[in-house]
Amino acid sequence: MSNKKLTVNMGVAANENLCYENITSLLQAADTLLYKAKFRGSEQICLGQH
């Protein structure tokens, strides 16, 4: 049996109010949140709304 551990960081951007101009800006926001989660450490989720 392996002793490997899987950790996940996530950046989630919601477009509930249709504030992002296009899919590119929505994905950029999610990417920024992902790097914020990585900076905070392992097993982090950062959520954001525009």
C-alpha atoms as a PDB file:
ATOM      1  CA  MET A   1       0.000   0.000   0.000  1.00  0.00           C
ATOM      2  CA  SER A   2       1.266   3.487  -0.831  1.00  0.00           C
ATOM      3  CA  ASN A   3       1.623   6.301   1.698  1.00  0.00           C
ATOM      4  CA  LYS A   4       1.116   9.030  -0.903  1.00  0.00           C
ATOM      5  CA  LYS A   5      -1.212  11.910  -0.096  1.00  0.00           C
ATOM      6  CA  LEU A   6      -3.203  13.895  -2.604  1.00  0.00           C
ATOM      7  CA  THR A   7      -3.967  17.530  -1.824  1.00  0.00           C
ATOM      8  CA  VAL A   8      -6.172  19.857  -3.842  1.00  0.00           C
ATOM      9  CA  ASN A   9      -6.246  23.612  -4.142  1.00  0.00           C
ATOM     10  CA  MET A  10      -9.093  25.308  -5.989  1.00  0.00           C
ATOM     11  CA  GLY A  11      -9.942  28.740  -7.268  1.00  0.00           C
ATOM     12  CA  VAL A  12     -13.623  29.232  -8.003  1.00  0.00           C
ATOM     13  CA  ALA A  13     -15.089  32.327  -9.644  1.00  0.00           C
ATOM     14  CA  ALA A  14     -18.865  32.661  -9.867  1.00  0.00           C
ATOM     15  CA  ASN A  15     -20.648  34.707 -12.493  1.00  0.00           C
ATOM     16  CA  GLU A  16     -24.098  34.715 -10.910  1.00  0.00           C
ATOM     17  CA  ASN A  17     -24.736  38.396 -11.645  1.00  0.00           C
ATOM     18  CA  LEU A  18     -23.198  38.211 -15.139  1.00  0.00           C
ATOM     19  CA  CYS A  19     -20.552  40.765 -14.150  1.00  0.00           C
ATOM     20  CA  TYR A  20     -17.699  39.230 -16.140  1.00  0.00           C
ATOM     21  CA  GLU A  21     -17.489  40.553 -19.676  1.00  0.00           C
ATOM     22  CA  ASN A  22     -16.574  37.210 -21.229  1.00  0.00           C
ATOM     23  CA  ILE A  23     -15.365  33.700 -20.493  1.00  0.00           C
ATOM     24  CA  THR A  24     -11.728  34.832 -20.604  1.00  0.00           C
ATOM     25  CA  SER A  25     -12.183  37.291 -17.738  1.00  0.00           C
ATOM     26  CA  LEU A  26     -14.073  34.657 -15.738  1.00  0.00           C
ATOM     27  CA  LEU A  27     -11.247  32.133 -16.224  1.00  0.00           C
ATOM     28  CA  GLN A  28      -8.637  34.761 -15.313  1.00  0.00           C
ATOM     29  CA  ALA A  29     -10.483  35.418 -12.060  1.00  0.00           C
ATOM     30  CA  ALA A  30     -10.572  31.688 -11.274  1.00  0.00           C
ATOM     31  CA  ASP A  31      -6.853  31.418 -12.064  1.00  0.00           C
ATOM     32  CA  THR A  32      -6.046  34.326  -9.737  1.00  0.00           C
ATOM     33  CA  LEU A  33      -8.065  32.666  -6.974  1.00  0.00           C
ATOM     34  CA  LEU A  34      -6.236  29.379  -7.568  1.00  0.00           C
ATOM     35  CA  TYR A  35      -2.854  31.043  -7.015  1.00  0.00           C
ATOM     36  CA  LYS A  36      -4.247  32.718  -3.896  1.00  0.00           C
ATOM     37  CA  ALA A  37      -5.281  29.287  -2.608  1.00  0.00           C
ATOM     38  CA  LYS A  38      -1.831  27.855  -3.378  1.00  0.00           C
ATOM     39  CA  PHE A  39      -0.197  30.734  -1.492  1.00  0.00           C
ATOM     40  CA  ARG A  40      -2.305  29.935   1.590  1.00  0.00           C
ATOM     41  CA  GLY A  41      -1.055  26.338   1.661  1.00  0.00           C
ATOM     42  CA  SER A  42      -2.319  22.894   0.774  1.00  0.00           C
ATOM     43  CA  GLU A  43      -5.980  21.916   0.730  1.00  0.00           C
ATOM     44  CA  GLN A  44      -7.347  25.426   0.279  1.00  0.00           C
ATOM     45  CA  ILE A  45     -10.339  26.732  -1.659  1.00  0.00           C
ATOM     46  CA  CYS A  46     -10.716  30.414  -2.566  1.00  0.00           C
ATOM     47  CA  LEU A  47     -14.101  31.594  -3.746  1.00  0.00           C
ATOM     48  CA  GLY A  48     -14.815  34.861  -5.486  1.00  0.00           C
ATOM     49  CA  GLN A  49     -17.600  36.811  -7.071  1.00  0.00           C
ATOM     50  CA  HIS A  50     -17.132  39.850  -9.234  1.00  0.00           C
END
